Amino acid sequence: MTGPVSVDELIDFLGTTASVPSDEDLPFSALDHGLQCAYELELAGGDEELQLAGLVHDIGHRFGTVENHGEVGGRIVGPLLGARVAAMVELHVPAKRYLVAVDPEYRSQLSPDSVRTLGLQGDALRADEITTWQQRPHWDDAVALRRADDRAKTPGRRVPGLEHWIPALRSVGGRS
């Protein structure tokens, strides 16, 4: 696994994803999806680290698989954006499994591809897994990220571009 090793490389990498189709084969780019997700979290009043986790949450798709992209992405962004952002990126995949387990309506709100990948990722958490999940640091932030991820799938939606997030990337990246 390789990936960006500086915040500047991360910014450049994110820019290249403007020409990469979204992971769900929707008619917009991977960058569009990340920008929409970050903006959803900004609108909801999420803090800077949570917003950036939304921006980079799917970076692991470029270096891993559907099943492990959260873990891979967390390892990539951790040294650049810190442990909390890394944890949220890693946990956004099991957050889907958690929501399916605790919210009877949630599965019906998922896109067809999210339902497909849910099966690959282990489907709903079991009761013992829910208890363990709720003991993890930042699990509630990962749930907020997951919900924003689900809302960030609107083709043609106008949201702030990558340049909007560069000051936050530099600020948070400077803390790591």
Protein backbone atom coordinates (compact mmCIF):
# COMPACT_ATOMS: atom_id res chain seq x y z
CA MET A 1 0.00 0.00 0.00
CA THR A 2 1.28 3.41 -0.93
CA GLY A 3 -0.38 6.76 -0.77
CA PRO A 4 0.26 10.43 -0.22
CA VAL A 5 3.01 11.07 2.32
CA SER A 6 2.45 14.81 2.83
CA VAL A 7 -0.56 17.09 2.99
CA ASP A 8 0.48 18.63 -0.34
CA GLU A 9 0.59 15.16 -1.91
CA LEU A 10 -2.82 14.41 -0.39
CA ILE A 11 -4.25 17.57 -1.94
CA ASP A 12 -2.73 16.66 -5.31
CA PHE A 13 -4.04 13.10 -4.99
CA LEU A 14 -7.56 14.29 -4.18
CA GLY A 15 -7.42 16.50 -7.26
CA THR A 16 -6.67 13.49 -9.44
CA THR A 17 -9.82 11.74 -8.19
CA ALA A 18 -11.90 14.27 -10.14
CA SER A 19 -11.41 11.96 -13.12
CA VAL A 20 -12.02 8.72 -11.19
CA PRO A 21 -15.58 7.36 -11.22
CA SER A 22 -17.26 7.08 -7.85
CA ASP A 23 -17.01 3.67 -6.26
CA GLU A 24 -20.72 3.03 -6.68
CA ASP A 25 -20.72 3.58 -10.43
CA LEU A 26 -22.83 6.70 -10.03
CA PRO A 27 -22.55 9.51 -12.60
CA PHE A 28 -20.03 11.59 -10.66
CA SER A 29 -16.43 11.34 -9.57
CA ALA A 30 -14.82 10.05 -6.41
CA LEU A 31 -13.85 13.65 -5.65
CA ASP A 32 -17.46 14.81 -6.09
CA HIS A 33 -18.55 12.21 -3.54
CA GLY A 34 -15.89 13.24 -1.02
CA LEU A 35 -16.72 16.93 -1.48
CA GLN A 36 -20.42 16.27 -1.00
CA CYS A 37 -19.74 14.22 2.11
CA ALA A 38 -17.49 16.89 3.65
CA TYR A 39 -20.06 19.57 2.86
CA GLU A 40 -22.87 17.52 4.44
CA LEU A 41 -20.79 17.40 7.62
CA GLU A 42 -20.08 21.13 7.44
CA LEU A 43 -23.81 21.86 7.07
CA ALA A 44 -24.53 19.63 10.07
CA GLY A 45 -22.09 21.60 12.20
CA GLY A 46 -19.42 18.92 12.32
CA ASP A 47 -15.99 20.02 13.44
CA GLU A 48 -13.06 20.44 11.06
CA GLU A 49 -11.65 16.95 11.59
CA LEU A 50 -15.04 15.33 10.99
CA GLN A 51 -15.49 17.36 7.80
CA LEU A 52 -12.05 16.30 6.56
CA ALA A 53 -12.82 12.68 7.39
CA GLY A 54 -15.79 13.08 5.05
CA LEU A 55 -13.55 14.47 2.35
CA VAL A 56 -11.05 11.59 2.51
CA HIS A 57 -13.20 8.72 3.79
CA ASP A 58 -12.99 6.66 0.59
CA ILE A 59 -9.29 7.21 -0.20
CA GLY A 60 -8.68 3.55 0.66
CA HIS A 61 -10.66 2.44 -2.40
CA ARG A 62 -7.65 3.43 -4.50
CA PHE A 63 -5.31 1.21 -2.48
CA GLY A 64 -7.48 -1.57 -1.03
CA THR A 65 -10.71 -3.47 -1.53
CA VAL A 66 -14.38 -2.83 -0.77
CA GLU A 67 -13.97 -4.86 2.38
CA ASN A 68 -10.82 -3.19 3.74
CA HIS A 69 -10.90 0.32 2.25
CA GLY A 70 -11.76 1.93 5.59
CA GLU A 71 -8.78 0.36 7.36
CA VAL A 72 -6.45 1.09 4.45
CA GLY A 73 -7.68 4.68 4.23
CA GLY A 74 -7.22 5.16 7.97
CA ARG A 75 -3.61 3.99 7.73
CA ILE A 76 -2.98 6.38 4.85
CA VAL A 77 -4.50 9.51 6.39
CA GLY A 78 -3.45 8.89 10.00
CA PRO A 79 0.12 10.20 9.66
CA LEU A 80 -1.19 13.20 7.69
CA LEU A 81 -4.39 14.18 9.49
CA GLY A 82 -4.12 12.54 12.90
CA ALA A 83 -5.53 9.63 14.84
CA ARG A 84 -9.10 10.90 15.12
CA VAL A 85 -9.52 11.44 11.36
CA ALA A 86 -7.92 8.03 10.76
CA ALA A 87 -10.32 6.39 13.21
CA MET A 88 -13.37 7.94 11.55
CA VAL A 89 -12.17 6.88 8.09
CA GLU A 90 -11.53 3.34 9.34
CA LEU A 91 -14.84 3.11 11.18
CA HIS A 92 -17.14 4.44 8.46
CA VAL A 93 -17.45 0.89 7.07
CA PRO A 94 -18.48 -0.83 10.31
CA ALA A 95 -20.71 2.19 11.01
CA LYS A 96 -22.91 1.01 8.13
CA ARG A 97 -23.05 -2.44 9.71
CA TYR A 98 -23.91 -0.84 13.06
CA LEU A 99 -26.71 1.27 11.60
CA VAL A 100 -28.24 -1.73 9.85
CA ALA A 101 -28.24 -3.54 13.19
CA VAL A 102 -29.80 -0.75 15.29
CA ASP A 103 -32.03 1.16 12.86
CA PRO A 104 -34.78 -0.93 11.22
CA GLU A 105 -35.28 1.69 8.47
CA TYR A 106 -31.62 2.14 7.58
CA ARG A 107 -31.14 -0.78 5.18
CA SER A 108 -34.04 0.42 3.01
CA GLN A 109 -32.34 3.82 2.65
CA LEU A 110 -29.10 2.40 1.27
CA SER A 111 -28.23 2.64 -2.40
CA PRO A 112 -28.24 -0.68 -4.27
CA ASP A 113 -24.44 -0.75 -4.32
CA SER A 114 -24.25 -0.02 -0.57
CA VAL A 115 -26.54 -2.99 0.03
CA ARG A 116 -24.27 -5.15 -2.13
CA THR A 117 -21.10 -4.02 -0.35
CA LEU A 118 -22.78 -4.45 3.04
CA GLY A 119 -22.93 -8.17 2.31
CA LEU A 120 -19.24 -8.21 1.45
CA GLN A 121 -18.41 -6.28 4.61
CA GLY A 122 -20.19 -8.68 6.96
CA ASP A 123 -23.79 -7.39 7.02
CA ALA A 124 -25.35 -6.23 10.30
CA LEU A 125 -23.29 -6.29 13.48
CA ARG A 126 -24.22 -8.99 15.97
CA ALA A 127 -25.29 -7.98 19.50
CA ASP A 128 -21.83 -8.66 20.93
CA GLU A 129 -20.24 -6.63 18.12
CA ILE A 130 -22.55 -3.69 18.87
CA THR A 131 -21.31 -3.59 22.46
CA THR A 132 -17.70 -3.67 21.34
CA TRP A 133 -18.42 -1.06 18.65
CA GLN A 134 -19.90 1.39 21.16
CA GLN A 135 -16.74 1.16 23.26
CA ARG A 136 -14.49 2.33 20.41
CA PRO A 137 -13.30 5.92 20.46
CA HIS A 138 -15.04 8.08 17.86
CA TRP A 139 -17.73 5.52 17.03
CA ASP A 140 -20.43 8.21 17.19
CA ASP A 141 -18.44 10.45 14.84
CA ALA A 142 -18.10 7.51 12.44
CA VAL A 143 -21.90 7.13 12.48
CA ALA A 144 -22.28 10.82 11.60
CA LEU A 145 -19.75 10.34 8.80
CA ARG A 146 -21.62 7.27 7.54
CA ARG A 147 -24.93 9.14 7.43
CA ALA A 148 -23.27 11.98 5.51
CA ASP A 149 -21.70 9.40 3.18
CA ASP A 150 -25.19 8.09 2.41
CA ARG A 151 -26.48 11.61 1.62
CA ALA A 152 -23.47 12.48 -0.57
CA LYS A 153 -24.62 10.77 -3.75
CA THR A 154 -26.37 13.45 -5.77
CA PRO A 155 -25.18 13.81 -9.37
CA GLY A 156 -24.59 17.43 -10.34
CA ARG A 157 -24.93 18.80 -6.81
CA ARG A 158 -23.10 22.08 -6.33
CA VAL A 159 -20.85 22.10 -3.27
CA PRO A 160 -17.62 23.91 -2.40
CA GLY A 161 -14.65 22.61 -4.40
CA LEU A 162 -11.39 21.18 -3.17
CA GLU A 163 -9.89 24.65 -2.71
CA HIS A 164 -12.44 25.27 0.07
CA TRP A 165 -10.91 22.43 2.10
CA ILE A 166 -7.22 23.22 1.58
CA PRO A 167 -6.90 25.57 4.60
CA ALA A 168 -8.45 22.90 6.85
CA LEU A 169 -6.22 20.20 5.39
CA ARG A 170 -3.16 22.35 6.09
CA SER A 171 -4.38 23.27 9.59
CA VAL A 172 -5.25 19.73 10.68
CA GLY A 173 -2.24 18.34 8.84
CA GLY A 174 -0.01 20.74 10.72
CA ARG A 175 -1.17 19.28 14.04
CA SER A 176 -0.18 15.71 13.20
